[in-house]
């Protein structure tokens, strides 16, 4: 069996089988082993989870830049004219959206977009 090309076939497959955002998000939550109670707690404490996010992102990116595998990806990202600070800002916005714990078509589309970017950058899910 041929390997599916993410950019074309997965998006077409999802559209052709009428998979809704709720199904995609439920599968994502199942992968993360999130229960309905976890989701309600996440919604309730959303603001608290984001406190210190800027400090955490500094520590996290220092860690990523200290590892040869992730440092190479980030250096390549910067060499193409991109900004790590803008990436961090985008990721913090994604985290905030993710912590809203919405399960709808828009959030599913956002998750697929992020997955596609990671796939294109050859970033492994680990």
C-alpha atoms as a PDB file:
ATOM      1  CA  UNK A   1       0.000   0.000   0.000  1.00  0.00           C
ATOM      2  CA  UNK A   2       1.331   3.453  -0.910  1.00  0.00           C
ATOM      3  CA  UNK A   3       2.027   5.948   1.830  1.00  0.00           C
ATOM      4  CA  UNK A   4      -0.679   8.625   2.016  1.00  0.00           C
ATOM      5  CA  UNK A   5       0.498  12.124   1.120  1.00  0.00           C
ATOM      6  CA  UNK A   6      -0.614  14.267   4.049  1.00  0.00           C
ATOM      7  CA  UNK A   7      -1.084  17.462   2.091  1.00  0.00           C
ATOM      8  CA  UNK A   8      -3.571  15.980  -0.365  1.00  0.00           C
ATOM      9  CA  UNK A   9      -4.978  12.619   0.549  1.00  0.00           C
ATOM     10  CA  UNK A  10      -5.713  13.009   4.257  1.00  0.00           C
ATOM     11  CA  UNK A  11      -7.595  16.272   3.823  1.00  0.00           C
ATOM     12  CA  UNK A  12      -9.535  14.790   0.898  1.00  0.00           C
ATOM     13  CA  UNK A  13     -10.210  11.598   2.835  1.00  0.00           C
ATOM     14  CA  UNK A  14     -11.542  13.523   5.816  1.00  0.00           C
ATOM     15  CA  UNK A  15     -13.757  15.652   3.602  1.00  0.00           C
ATOM     16  CA  UNK A  16     -15.016  12.729   1.563  1.00  0.00           C
ATOM     17  CA  UNK A  17     -16.065  10.706   4.604  1.00  0.00           C
ATOM     18  CA  UNK A  18     -17.783  13.693   6.223  1.00  0.00           C
ATOM     19  CA  UNK A  19     -15.822  13.413   9.449  1.00  0.00           C
ATOM     20  CA  UNK A  20     -16.925  16.265  11.659  1.00  0.00           C
ATOM     21  CA  UNK A  21     -14.834  18.416  13.934  1.00  0.00           C
ATOM     22  CA  UNK A  22     -16.368  16.697  16.935  1.00  0.00           C
ATOM     23  CA  UNK A  23     -15.159  13.284  15.763  1.00  0.00           C
ATOM     24  CA  UNK A  24     -11.651  14.575  15.028  1.00  0.00           C
ATOM     25  CA  UNK A  25     -11.458  16.338  18.385  1.00  0.00           C
ATOM     26  CA  UNK A  26     -12.812  13.298  20.237  1.00  0.00           C
ATOM     27  CA  UNK A  27     -10.128  11.149  18.615  1.00  0.00           C
ATOM     28  CA  UNK A  28      -7.510  13.746  19.596  1.00  0.00           C
ATOM     29  CA  UNK A  29      -8.809  13.749  23.181  1.00  0.00           C
ATOM     30  CA  UNK A  30      -8.802   9.936  23.225  1.00  0.00           C
ATOM     31  CA  UNK A  31      -5.185   9.971  22.038  1.00  0.00           C
ATOM     32  CA  UNK A  32      -4.332  12.302  24.941  1.00  0.00           C
ATOM     33  CA  UNK A  33      -6.507  10.148  27.240  1.00  0.00           C
ATOM     34  CA  UNK A  34      -8.638  13.157  28.223  1.00  0.00           C
ATOM     35  CA  UNK A  35     -11.972  12.381  29.834  1.00  0.00           C
ATOM     36  CA  UNK A  36     -15.035  14.644  29.909  1.00  0.00           C
ATOM     37  CA  UNK A  37     -14.124  15.508  33.520  1.00  0.00           C
ATOM     38  CA  UNK A  38     -10.611  16.488  32.396  1.00  0.00           C
ATOM     39  CA  UNK A  39     -12.094  18.738  29.730  1.00  0.00           C
ATOM     40  CA  UNK A  40     -14.391  20.454  32.243  1.00  0.00           C
ATOM     41  CA  UNK A  41     -11.463  21.002  34.633  1.00  0.00           C
ATOM     42  CA  UNK A  42      -9.398  22.393  31.765  1.00  0.00           C
ATOM     43  CA  UNK A  43     -12.147  24.867  30.885  1.00  0.00           C
ATOM     44  CA  UNK A  44     -12.526  25.870  34.529  1.00  0.00           C
ATOM     45  CA  UNK A  45      -8.785  26.431  35.156  1.00  0.00           C
ATOM     46  CA  UNK A  46      -7.892  27.732  31.687  1.00  0.00           C
ATOM     47  CA  UNK A  47      -6.644  31.083  32.992  1.00  0.00           C
ATOM     48  CA  UNK A  48      -4.495  29.474  35.691  1.00  0.00           C
ATOM     49  CA  UNK A  49      -2.814  27.143  33.208  1.00  0.00           C
ATOM     50  CA  UNK A  50      -1.625  30.123  31.188  1.00  0.00           C
ATOM     51  CA  UNK A  51      -0.058  31.968  34.127  1.00  0.00           C
ATOM     52  CA  UNK A  52       3.691  31.825  33.720  1.00  0.00           C
ATOM     53  CA  UNK A  53       3.421  30.693  30.103  1.00  0.00           C
ATOM     54  CA  UNK A  54       5.960  33.255  28.891  1.00  0.00           C
ATOM     55  CA  UNK A  55       8.490  32.132  31.510  1.00  0.00           C
ATOM     56  CA  UNK A  56       7.817  28.490  30.659  1.00  0.00           C
ATOM     57  CA  UNK A  57       8.262  29.151  26.939  1.00  0.00           C
ATOM     58  CA  UNK A  58      11.685  30.711  27.589  1.00  0.00           C
ATOM     59  CA  UNK A  59      12.793  27.654  29.582  1.00  0.00           C
ATOM     60  CA  UNK A  60      11.273  25.287  27.022  1.00  0.00           C
ATOM     61  CA  UNK A  61      12.932  26.948  24.013  1.00  0.00           C
ATOM     62  CA  UNK A  62      16.281  27.079  25.809  1.00  0.00           C
ATOM     63  CA  UNK A  63      15.863  23.324  26.250  1.00  0.00           C
ATOM     64  CA  UNK A  64      14.892  22.816  22.583  1.00  0.00           C
ATOM     65  CA  UNK A  65      17.887  24.855  21.445  1.00  0.00           C
ATOM     66  CA  UNK A  66      20.220  22.771  23.639  1.00  0.00           C
ATOM     67  CA  UNK A  67      19.249  19.521  21.883  1.00  0.00           C
ATOM     68  CA  UNK A  68      20.946  19.003  18.506  1.00  0.00           C
ATOM     69  CA  UNK A  69      17.853  17.511  16.797  1.00  0.00           C
ATOM     70  CA  UNK A  70      15.439  20.289  17.753  1.00  0.00           C
ATOM     71  CA  UNK A  71      18.080  23.015  17.540  1.00  0.00           C
ATOM     72  CA  UNK A  72      18.673  22.093  13.880  1.00  0.00           C
ATOM     73  CA  UNK A  73      14.946  22.414  13.120  1.00  0.00           C
ATOM     74  CA  UNK A  74      14.736  25.786  14.877  1.00  0.00           C
ATOM     75  CA  UNK A  75      17.913  27.083  13.226  1.00  0.00           C
ATOM     76  CA  UNK A  76      16.548  26.057   9.832  1.00  0.00           C
ATOM     77  CA  UNK A  77      13.279  27.801  10.712  1.00  0.00           C
ATOM     78  CA  UNK A  78      15.171  31.006  11.536  1.00  0.00           C
ATOM     79  CA  UNK A  79      17.404  30.761   8.465  1.00  0.00           C
ATOM     80  CA  UNK A  80      14.263  30.974   6.312  1.00  0.00           C
ATOM     81  CA  UNK A  81      13.492  34.388   7.818  1.00  0.00           C
ATOM     82  CA  UNK A  82      11.177  33.228  10.583  1.00  0.00           C
ATOM     83  CA  UNK A  83      11.248  34.485  14.148  1.00  0.00           C
ATOM     84  CA  UNK A  84      11.382  32.238  17.206  1.00  0.00           C
ATOM     85  CA  UNK A  85       9.602  34.921  19.255  1.00  0.00           C
ATOM     86  CA  UNK A  86       6.742  34.961  16.726  1.00  0.00           C
ATOM     87  CA  UNK A  87       6.662  31.156  16.826  1.00  0.00           C
ATOM     88  CA  UNK A  88       6.423  31.257  20.621  1.00  0.00           C
ATOM     89  CA  UNK A  89       3.625  33.827  20.427  1.00  0.00           C
ATOM     90  CA  UNK A  90       1.764  31.640  17.932  1.00  0.00           C
ATOM     91  CA  UNK A  91       2.228  28.560  20.087  1.00  0.00           C
ATOM     92  CA  UNK A  92       1.037  30.349  23.218  1.00  0.00           C
ATOM     93  CA  UNK A  93      -2.068  31.397  21.293  1.00  0.00           C
ATOM     94  CA  UNK A  94      -2.515  27.782  20.205  1.00  0.00           C
ATOM     95  CA  UNK A  95      -2.140  26.644  23.829  1.00  0.00           C
ATOM     96  CA  UNK A  96      -4.780  29.137  24.928  1.00  0.00           C
ATOM     97  CA  UNK A  97      -7.131  27.925  22.190  1.00  0.00           C
ATOM     98  CA  UNK A  98      -6.404  24.309  23.054  1.00  0.00           C
ATOM     99  CA  UNK A  99      -7.145  24.970  26.744  1.00  0.00           C
ATOM    100  CA  UNK A 100     -10.543  26.422  25.772  1.00  0.00           C
ATOM    101  CA  UNK A 101     -11.363  22.727  25.181  1.00  0.00           C
ATOM    102  CA  UNK A 102     -13.752  23.486  22.328  1.00  0.00           C
ATOM    103  CA  UNK A 103     -14.771  20.544  20.179  1.00  0.00           C
ATOM    104  CA  UNK A 104     -15.975  21.951  16.885  1.00  0.00           C
ATOM    105  CA  UNK A 105     -15.103  22.032  13.199  1.00  0.00           C
ATOM    106  CA  UNK A 106     -12.941  25.147  13.579  1.00  0.00           C
ATOM    107  CA  UNK A 107     -10.782  23.609  16.320  1.00  0.00           C
ATOM    108  CA  UNK A 108     -10.450  20.372  14.316  1.00  0.00           C
ATOM    109  CA  UNK A 109      -9.354  22.373  11.279  1.00  0.00           C
ATOM    110  CA  UNK A 110      -6.807  24.178  13.459  1.00  0.00           C
ATOM    111  CA  UNK A 111      -5.427  20.862  14.763  1.00  0.00           C
ATOM    112  CA  UNK A 112      -5.111  19.524  11.203  1.00  0.00           C
ATOM    113  CA  UNK A 113      -3.340  22.727  10.131  1.00  0.00           C
ATOM    114  CA  UNK A 114      -0.816  22.390  12.963  1.00  0.00           C
ATOM    115  CA  UNK A 115      -0.321  18.707  12.143  1.00  0.00           C
ATOM    116  CA  UNK A 116       0.309  19.571   8.510  1.00  0.00           C
ATOM    117  CA  UNK A 117       2.915  22.193   9.465  1.00  0.00           C
ATOM    118  CA  UNK A 118       4.672  19.708  11.739  1.00  0.00           C
ATOM    119  CA  UNK A 119       4.558  17.045   9.048  1.00  0.00           C
ATOM    120  CA  UNK A 120       5.982  19.393   6.403  1.00  0.00           C
ATOM    121  CA  UNK A 121       8.788  20.420   8.793  1.00  0.00           C
ATOM    122  CA  UNK A 122       9.484  16.718   9.424  1.00  0.00           C
ATOM    123  CA  UNK A 123       8.790  17.118  13.130  1.00  0.00           C
ATOM    124  CA  UNK A 124       8.036  13.708  14.614  1.00  0.00           C
ATOM    125  CA  UNK A 125       5.032  13.441  16.950  1.00  0.00           C
ATOM    126  CA  UNK A 126       7.232  12.307  19.824  1.00  0.00           C
END
